[in-house]
Amino acid sequence: MKITFEVTQTDGTKNTVSTVYADILALEDKFAIDASELAVRQRAKWMAFLAWNAMKRAGQTSESFDKFTETIEDLSPDDSGNE
């Protein structure tokens, strides 16, 4: 499962990041859910976690998850054209 996110932070910084399998596994571990839940519902916190984990893995943020969520102005998943 690959999801691409457009992330805009309160300071105006914009990032585009895509998830990889490791991000999905991290989501399952963090929230004790099955990734198939994403096909049925998408909680804002899950989407934020996926974007944060992908950005952290890609070196686009070093903030903790909680600090990162305080800086999100807009987070838009765009999985059109993705698997």
PDB file of N, CA and C in Angstrom:
ATOM      1  N   MET A   1       0.839  -1.173   0.000  1.00  0.00           N
ATOM      2  CA  MET A   1       0.000   0.000   0.000  1.00  0.00           C
ATOM      3  C   MET A   1       0.887   1.240   0.000  1.00  0.00           C
ATOM      4  N   LYS A   2       0.640   2.101  -0.942  1.00  0.00           N
ATOM      5  CA  LYS A   2       1.416   3.326  -1.046  1.00  0.00           C
ATOM      6  C   LYS A   2       0.461   4.510  -1.032  1.00  0.00           C
ATOM      7  N   ILE A   3       0.705   5.447  -0.132  1.00  0.00           N
ATOM      8  CA  ILE A   3      -0.088   6.668  -0.056  1.00  0.00           C
ATOM      9  C   ILE A   3       0.879   7.837  -0.156  1.00  0.00           C
ATOM     10  N   THR A   4       0.562   8.784  -0.999  1.00  0.00           N
ATOM     11  CA  THR A   4       1.355   9.999  -1.111  1.00  0.00           C
ATOM     12  C   THR A   4       0.638  11.113  -0.358  1.00  0.00           C
ATOM     13  N   PHE A   5       1.379  11.835   0.454  1.00  0.00           N
ATOM     14  CA  PHE A   5       0.827  12.932   1.244  1.00  0.00           C
ATOM     15  C   PHE A   5       1.439  14.255   0.814  1.00  0.00           C
ATOM     16  N   GLU A   6       0.584  15.266   0.774  1.00  0.00           N
ATOM     17  CA  GLU A   6       1.025  16.655   0.659  1.00  0.00           C
ATOM     18  C   GLU A   6       0.860  17.228   2.063  1.00  0.00           C
ATOM     19  N   VAL A   7       1.960  17.645   2.670  1.00  0.00           N
ATOM     20  CA  VAL A   7       1.933  18.138   4.045  1.00  0.00           C
ATOM     21  C   VAL A   7       2.327  19.610   4.053  1.00  0.00           C
ATOM     22  N   THR A   8       1.455  20.445   4.594  1.00  0.00           N
ATOM     23  CA  THR A   8       1.757  21.866   4.770  1.00  0.00           C
ATOM     24  C   THR A   8       1.808  22.133   6.262  1.00  0.00           C
ATOM     25  N   GLN A   9       2.914  22.732   6.695  1.00  0.00           N
ATOM     26  CA  GLN A   9       3.086  23.030   8.110  1.00  0.00           C
ATOM     27  C   GLN A   9       2.807  24.513   8.355  1.00  0.00           C
ATOM     28  N   THR A  10       2.580  24.858   9.607  1.00  0.00           N
ATOM     29  CA  THR A  10       2.176  26.212   9.962  1.00  0.00           C
ATOM     30  C   THR A  10       3.209  27.266   9.588  1.00  0.00           C
ATOM     31  N   ASP A  11       4.457  26.876   9.423  1.00  0.00           N
ATOM     32  CA  ASP A  11       5.490  27.842   9.018  1.00  0.00           C
ATOM     33  C   ASP A  11       5.558  28.006   7.498  1.00  0.00           C
ATOM     34  N   GLY A  12       4.647  27.346   6.774  1.00  0.00           N
ATOM     35  CA  GLY A  12       4.604  27.447   5.322  1.00  0.00           C
ATOM     36  C   GLY A  12       5.385  26.366   4.590  1.00  0.00           C
ATOM     37  N   THR A  13       6.140  25.565   5.316  1.00  0.00           N
ATOM     38  CA  THR A  13       6.891  24.475   4.704  1.00  0.00           C
ATOM     39  C   THR A  13       5.925  23.467   4.094  1.00  0.00           C
ATOM     40  N   LYS A  14       6.222  23.053   2.853  1.00  0.00           N
ATOM     41  CA  LYS A  14       5.407  22.041   2.182  1.00  0.00           C
ATOM     42  C   LYS A  14       6.297  20.864   1.817  1.00  0.00           C
ATOM     43  N   ASN A  15       5.805  19.677   2.073  1.00  0.00           N
ATOM     44  CA  ASN A  15       6.521  18.450   1.743  1.00  0.00           C
ATOM     45  C   ASN A  15       5.573  17.480   1.057  1.00  0.00           C
ATOM     46  N   THR A  16       6.124  16.733   0.130  1.00  0.00           N
ATOM     47  CA  THR A  16       5.413  15.609  -0.483  1.00  0.00           C
ATOM     48  C   THR A  16       6.181  14.364  -0.104  1.00  0.00           C
ATOM     49  N   VAL A  17       5.469  13.384   0.400  1.00  0.00           N
ATOM     50  CA  VAL A  17       6.130  12.158   0.846  1.00  0.00           C
ATOM     51  C   VAL A  17       5.206  10.975   0.568  1.00  0.00           C
ATOM     52  N   SER A  18       5.806   9.845   0.239  1.00  0.00           N
ATOM     53  CA  SER A  18       5.046   8.620  -0.012  1.00  0.00           C
ATOM     54  C   SER A  18       5.437   7.554   0.994  1.00  0.00           C
ATOM     55  N   THR A  19       4.442   6.783   1.404  1.00  0.00           N
ATOM     56  CA  THR A  19       4.698   5.703   2.343  1.00  0.00           C
ATOM     57  C   THR A  19       5.335   4.514   1.633  1.00  0.00           C
ATOM     58  N   VAL A  20       6.028   3.726   2.417  1.00  0.00           N
ATOM     59  CA  VAL A  20       6.539   2.431   1.984  1.00  0.00           C
ATOM     60  C   VAL A  20       6.016   1.403   2.990  1.00  0.00           C
ATOM     61  N   TYR A  21       6.268   0.157   2.734  1.00  0.00           N
ATOM     62  CA  TYR A  21       5.757  -0.928   3.568  1.00  0.00           C
ATOM     63  C   TYR A  21       6.120  -0.742   5.049  1.00  0.00           C
ATOM     64  N   ALA A  22       7.325  -0.265   5.329  1.00  0.00           N
ATOM     65  CA  ALA A  22       7.765  -0.073   6.709  1.00  0.00           C
ATOM     66  C   ALA A  22       6.874   0.922   7.448  1.00  0.00           C
ATOM     67  N   ASP A  23       6.353   1.924   6.755  1.00  0.00           N
ATOM     68  CA  ASP A  23       5.469   2.904   7.388  1.00  0.00           C
ATOM     69  C   ASP A  23       4.142   2.267   7.784  1.00  0.00           C
ATOM     70  N   ILE A  24       3.633   1.395   6.926  1.00  0.00           N
ATOM     71  CA  ILE A  24       2.387   0.686   7.220  1.00  0.00           C
ATOM     72  C   ILE A  24       2.579  -0.229   8.432  1.00  0.00           C
ATOM     73  N   LEU A  25       3.712  -0.931   8.476  1.00  0.00           N
ATOM     74  CA  LEU A  25       4.008  -1.796   9.628  1.00  0.00           C
ATOM     75  C   LEU A  25       4.107  -0.981  10.911  1.00  0.00           C
ATOM     76  N   ALA A  26       4.721   0.188  10.836  1.00  0.00           N
ATOM     77  CA  ALA A  26       4.836   1.057  12.011  1.00  0.00           C
ATOM     78  C   ALA A  26       3.455   1.504  12.491  1.00  0.00           C
ATOM     79  N   LEU A  27       2.555   1.806  11.557  1.00  0.00           N
ATOM     80  CA  LEU A  27       1.183   2.184  11.905  1.00  0.00           C
ATOM     81  C   LEU A  27       0.487   1.037  12.634  1.00  0.00           C
ATOM     82  N   GLU A  28       0.617  -0.172  12.108  1.00  0.00           N
ATOM     83  CA  GLU A  28       0.000  -1.335  12.752  1.00  0.00           C
ATOM     84  C   GLU A  28       0.514  -1.508  14.176  1.00  0.00           C
ATOM     85  N   ASP A  29       1.825  -1.376  14.363  1.00  0.00           N
ATOM     86  CA  ASP A  29       2.407  -1.527  15.693  1.00  0.00           C
ATOM     87  C   ASP A  29       1.954  -0.425  16.648  1.00  0.00           C
ATOM     88  N   LYS A  30       1.979   0.811  16.186  1.00  0.00           N
ATOM     89  CA  LYS A  30       1.655   1.964  17.033  1.00  0.00           C
ATOM     90  C   LYS A  30       0.202   1.936  17.511  1.00  0.00           C
ATOM     91  N   PHE A  31      -0.724   1.609  16.606  1.00  0.00           N
ATOM     92  CA  PHE A  31      -2.141   1.706  16.931  1.00  0.00           C
ATOM     93  C   PHE A  31      -2.838   0.349  17.077  1.00  0.00           C
ATOM     94  N   ALA A  32      -2.079  -0.728  16.999  1.00  0.00           N
ATOM     95  CA  ALA A  32      -2.628  -2.087  17.143  1.00  0.00           C
ATOM     96  C   ALA A  32      -3.833  -2.293  16.224  1.00  0.00           C
ATOM     97  N   ILE A  33      -3.654  -1.925  14.960  1.00  0.00           N
ATOM     98  CA  ILE A  33      -4.707  -2.123  13.960  1.00  0.00           C
ATOM     99  C   ILE A  33      -4.144  -2.936  12.807  1.00  0.00           C
ATOM    100  N   ASP A  34      -5.025  -3.448  12.007  1.00  0.00           N
ATOM    101  CA  ASP A  34      -4.649  -4.125  10.777  1.00  0.00           C
ATOM    102  C   ASP A  34      -4.692  -3.090   9.660  1.00  0.00           C
ATOM    103  N   ALA A  35      -3.723  -3.082   8.787  1.00  0.00           N
ATOM    104  CA  ALA A  35      -3.662  -2.091   7.714  1.00  0.00           C
ATOM    105  C   ALA A  35      -4.906  -2.099   6.838  1.00  0.00           C
ATOM    106  N   SER A  36      -5.612  -3.212   6.798  1.00  0.00           N
ATOM    107  CA  SER A  36      -6.835  -3.273   5.999  1.00  0.00           C
ATOM    108  C   SER A  36      -7.900  -2.302   6.511  1.00  0.00           C
ATOM    109  N   GLU A  37      -7.771  -1.860   7.764  1.00  0.00           N
ATOM    110  CA  GLU A  37      -8.689  -0.856   8.320  1.00  0.00           C
ATOM    111  C   GLU A  37      -8.678   0.420   7.484  1.00  0.00           C
ATOM    112  N   LEU A  38      -7.535   0.727   6.860  1.00  0.00           N
ATOM    113  CA  LEU A  38      -7.419   1.953   6.068  1.00  0.00           C
ATOM    114  C   LEU A  38      -8.337   1.951   4.857  1.00  0.00           C
ATOM    115  N   ALA A  39      -8.716   0.774   4.392  1.00  0.00           N
ATOM    116  CA  ALA A  39      -9.634   0.688   3.258  1.00  0.00           C
ATOM    117  C   ALA A  39     -11.055   1.059   3.657  1.00  0.00           C
ATOM    118  N   VAL A  40     -11.357   0.935   4.950  1.00  0.00           N
ATOM    119  CA  VAL A  40     -12.700   1.182   5.453  1.00  0.00           C
ATOM    120  C   VAL A  40     -12.835   2.568   6.079  1.00  0.00           C
ATOM    121  N   ARG A  41     -11.809   2.968   6.824  1.00  0.00           N
ATOM    122  CA  ARG A  41     -11.840   4.277   7.492  1.00  0.00           C
ATOM    123  C   ARG A  41     -10.427   4.807   7.641  1.00  0.00           C
ATOM    124  N   GLN A  42     -10.328   6.110   7.654  1.00  0.00           N
ATOM    125  CA  GLN A  42      -9.043   6.761   7.811  1.00  0.00           C
ATOM    126  C   GLN A  42      -9.161   7.806   8.919  1.00  0.00           C
ATOM    127  N   ARG A  43      -8.669   7.473  10.078  1.00  0.00           N
ATOM    128  CA  ARG A  43      -8.656   8.435  11.188  1.00  0.00           C
ATOM    129  C   ARG A  43      -7.560   9.463  10.926  1.00  0.00           C
ATOM    130  N   ALA A  44      -7.827  10.693  11.298  1.00  0.00           N
ATOM    131  CA  ALA A  44      -6.867  11.773  11.083  1.00  0.00           C
ATOM    132  C   ALA A  44      -5.520  11.450  11.734  1.00  0.00           C
ATOM    133  N   LYS A  45      -5.558  10.877  12.928  1.00  0.00           N
ATOM    134  CA  LYS A  45      -4.317  10.559  13.636  1.00  0.00           C
ATOM    135  C   LYS A  45      -3.517   9.490  12.895  1.00  0.00           C
ATOM    136  N   TRP A  46      -4.207   8.521  12.286  1.00  0.00           N
ATOM    137  CA  TRP A  46      -3.510   7.498  11.511  1.00  0.00           C
ATOM    138  C   TRP A  46      -2.827   8.120  10.301  1.00  0.00           C
ATOM    139  N   MET A  47      -3.529   9.014   9.611  1.00  0.00           N
ATOM    140  CA  MET A  47      -2.961   9.663   8.427  1.00  0.00           C
ATOM    141  C   MET A  47      -1.760  10.527   8.814  1.00  0.00           C
ATOM    142  N   ALA A  48      -1.901  11.255   9.927  1.00  0.00           N
ATOM    143  CA  ALA A  48      -0.792  12.082  10.401  1.00  0.00           C
ATOM    144  C   ALA A  48       0.408  11.209  10.754  1.00  0.00           C
ATOM    145  N   PHE A  49       0.150  10.066  11.400  1.00  0.00           N
ATOM    146  CA  PHE A  49       1.245   9.165  11.769  1.00  0.00           C
ATOM    147  C   PHE A  49       1.955   8.630  10.528  1.00  0.00           C
ATOM    148  N   LEU A  50       1.182   8.220   9.535  1.00  0.00           N
ATOM    149  CA  LEU A  50       1.797   7.710   8.299  1.00  0.00           C
ATOM    150  C   LEU A  50       2.664   8.773   7.634  1.00  0.00           C
ATOM    151  N   ALA A  51       2.135   9.995   7.544  1.00  0.00           N
ATOM    152  CA  ALA A  51       2.912  11.087   6.932  1.00  0.00           C
ATOM    153  C   ALA A  51       4.167  11.371   7.749  1.00  0.00           C
ATOM    154  N   TRP A  52       4.023  11.441   9.075  1.00  0.00           N
ATOM    155  CA  TRP A  52       5.171  11.710   9.941  1.00  0.00           C
ATOM    156  C   TRP A  52       6.220  10.612   9.823  1.00  0.00           C
ATOM    157  N   ASN A  53       5.786   9.363   9.876  1.00  0.00           N
ATOM    158  CA  ASN A  53       6.743   8.255   9.813  1.00  0.00           C
ATOM    159  C   ASN A  53       7.492   8.267   8.482  1.00  0.00           C
ATOM    160  N   ALA A  54       6.762   8.531   7.394  1.00  0.00           N
ATOM    161  CA  ALA A  54       7.394   8.597   6.078  1.00  0.00           C
ATOM    162  C   ALA A  54       8.369   9.771   6.001  1.00  0.00           C
ATOM    163  N   MET A  55       7.967  10.922   6.541  1.00  0.00           N
ATOM    164  CA  MET A  55       8.861  12.093   6.533  1.00  0.00           C
ATOM    165  C   MET A  55      10.086  11.858   7.414  1.00  0.00           C
ATOM    166  N   LYS A  56       9.891  11.229   8.557  1.00  0.00           N
ATOM    167  CA  LYS A  56      11.018  10.929   9.454  1.00  0.00           C
ATOM    168  C   LYS A  56      11.994   9.972   8.768  1.00  0.00           C
ATOM    169  N   ARG A  57      11.446   8.934   8.151  1.00  0.00           N
ATOM    170  CA  ARG A  57      12.280   7.961   7.436  1.00  0.00           C
ATOM    171  C   ARG A  57      13.057   8.631   6.306  1.00  0.00           C
ATOM    172  N   ALA A  58      12.433   9.597   5.636  1.00  0.00           N
ATOM    173  CA  ALA A  58      13.062  10.284   4.496  1.00  0.00           C
ATOM    174  C   ALA A  58      13.958  11.449   4.924  1.00  0.00           C
ATOM    175  N   GLY A  59      14.061  11.701   6.239  1.00  0.00           N
ATOM    176  CA  GLY A  59      14.904  12.785   6.724  1.00  0.00           C
ATOM    177  C   GLY A  59      14.284  14.165   6.551  1.00  0.00           C
ATOM    178  N   GLN A  60      12.949  14.229   6.399  1.00  0.00           N
ATOM    179  CA  GLN A  60      12.270  15.510   6.211  1.00  0.00           C
ATOM    180  C   GLN A  60      11.789  16.117   7.523  1.00  0.00           C
ATOM    181  N   THR A  61      11.870  15.367   8.618  1.00  0.00           N
ATOM    182  CA  THR A  61      11.553  15.889   9.947  1.00  0.00           C
ATOM    183  C   THR A  61      12.329  15.099  10.986  1.00  0.00           C
ATOM    184  N   SER A  62      12.647  15.790  12.077  1.00  0.00           N
ATOM    185  CA  SER A  62      13.281  15.105  13.207  1.00  0.00           C
ATOM    186  C   SER A  62      12.424  15.279  14.457  1.00  0.00           C
ATOM    187  N   GLU A  63      11.264  15.929  14.300  1.00  0.00           N
ATOM    188  CA  GLU A  63      10.374  16.172  15.430  1.00  0.00           C
ATOM    189  C   GLU A  63       9.709  14.890  15.911  1.00  0.00           C
ATOM    190  N   SER A  64       9.309  14.887  17.183  1.00  0.00           N
ATOM    191  CA  SER A  64       8.505  13.785  17.701  1.00  0.00           C
ATOM    192  C   SER A  64       7.140  13.836  17.019  1.00  0.00           C
ATOM    193  N   PHE A  65       6.414  12.734  17.070  1.00  0.00           N
ATOM    194  CA  PHE A  65       5.093  12.692  16.451  1.00  0.00           C
ATOM    195  C   PHE A  65       4.177  13.760  17.039  1.00  0.00           C
ATOM    196  N   ASP A  66       4.151  13.872  18.370  1.00  0.00           N
ATOM    197  CA  ASP A  66       3.274  14.855  19.003  1.00  0.00           C
ATOM    198  C   ASP A  66       3.621  16.277  18.580  1.00  0.00           C
ATOM    199  N   LYS A  67       4.896  16.604  18.546  1.00  0.00           N
ATOM    200  CA  LYS A  67       5.323  17.945  18.118  1.00  0.00           C
ATOM    201  C   LYS A  67       4.958  18.177  16.653  1.00  0.00           C
ATOM    202  N   PHE A  68       5.164  17.168  15.822  1.00  0.00           N
ATOM    203  CA  PHE A  68       4.830  17.258  14.404  1.00  0.00           C
ATOM    204  C   PHE A  68       3.349  17.581  14.213  1.00  0.00           C
ATOM    205  N   THR A  69       2.475  16.904  14.961  1.00  0.00           N
ATOM    206  CA  THR A  69       1.037  17.145  14.782  1.00  0.00           C
ATOM    207  C   THR A  69       0.646  18.570  15.161  1.00  0.00           C
ATOM    208  N   GLU A  70       1.394  19.196  16.051  1.00  0.00           N
ATOM    209  CA  GLU A  70       1.113  20.581  16.438  1.00  0.00           C
ATOM    210  C   GLU A  70       1.463  21.565  15.323  1.00  0.00           C
ATOM    211  N   THR A  71       2.254  21.122  14.352  1.00  0.00           N
ATOM    212  CA  THR A  71       2.696  22.025  13.286  1.00  0.00           C
ATOM    213  C   THR A  71       1.978  21.803  11.962  1.00  0.00           C
ATOM    214  N   ILE A  72       1.027  20.881  11.929  1.00  0.00           N
ATOM    215  CA  ILE A  72       0.325  20.594  10.668  1.00  0.00           C
ATOM    216  C   ILE A  72      -0.767  21.628  10.425  1.00  0.00           C
ATOM    217  N   GLU A  73      -0.688  22.280   9.287  1.00  0.00           N
ATOM    218  CA  GLU A  73      -1.756  23.169   8.850  1.00  0.00           C
ATOM    219  C   GLU A  73      -2.728  22.403   7.948  1.00  0.00           C
ATOM    220  N   ASP A  74      -2.162  21.585   7.059  1.00  0.00           N
ATOM    221  CA  ASP A  74      -2.978  20.779   6.152  1.00  0.00           C
ATOM    222  C   ASP A  74      -2.219  19.507   5.812  1.00  0.00           C
ATOM    223  N   LEU A  75      -2.941  18.407   5.764  1.00  0.00           N
ATOM    224  CA  LEU A  75      -2.362  17.130   5.398  1.00  0.00           C
ATOM    225  C   LEU A  75      -3.351  16.454   4.456  1.00  0.00           C
ATOM    226  N   SER A  76      -2.938  16.298   3.206  1.00  0.00           N
ATOM    227  CA  SER A  76      -3.840  15.745   2.196  1.00  0.00           C
ATOM    228  C   SER A  76      -3.284  14.469   1.601  1.00  0.00           C
ATOM    229  N   PRO A  77      -3.913  13.334   1.891  1.00  0.00           N
ATOM    230  CA  PRO A  77      -3.488  12.111   1.212  1.00  0.00           C
ATOM    231  C   PRO A  77      -3.985  12.124  -0.225  1.00  0.00           C
ATOM    232  N   ASP A  78      -3.111  11.746  -1.127  1.00  0.00           N
ATOM    233  CA  ASP A  78      -3.487  11.662  -2.538  1.00  0.00           C
ATOM    234  C   ASP A  78      -3.049  10.306  -3.050  1.00  0.00           C
ATOM    235  N   ASP A  79      -3.959   9.337  -2.978  1.00  0.00           N
ATOM    236  CA  ASP A  79      -3.590   8.000  -3.416  1.00  0.00           C
ATOM    237  C   ASP A  79      -4.109   7.708  -4.822  1.00  0.00           C
ATOM    238  N   SER A  80      -4.535   8.738  -5.563  1.00  0.00           N
ATOM    239  CA  SER A  80      -4.943   8.510  -6.942  1.00  0.00           C
ATOM    240  C   SER A  80      -3.727   8.132  -7.751  1.00  0.00           C
ATOM    241  N   GLY A  81      -3.818   7.026  -8.430  1.00  0.00           N
ATOM    242  CA  GLY A  81      -2.697   6.555  -9.215  1.00  0.00           C
ATOM    243  C   GLY A  81      -1.701   5.724  -8.443  1.00  0.00           C
ATOM    244  N   ASN A  82      -1.872   5.619  -7.121  1.00  0.00           N
ATOM    245  CA  ASN A  82      -0.977   4.785  -6.315  1.00  0.00           C
ATOM    246  C   ASN A  82      -1.609   3.430  -6.129  1.00  0.00           C
ATOM    247  N   GLU A  83      -0.795   2.495  -5.657  1.00  0.00           N
ATOM    248  CA  GLU A  83      -1.272   1.126  -5.437  1.00  0.00           C
ATOM    249  C   GLU A  83      -2.217   1.080  -4.260  1.00  0.00           C
TER     250      GLU A  83
END
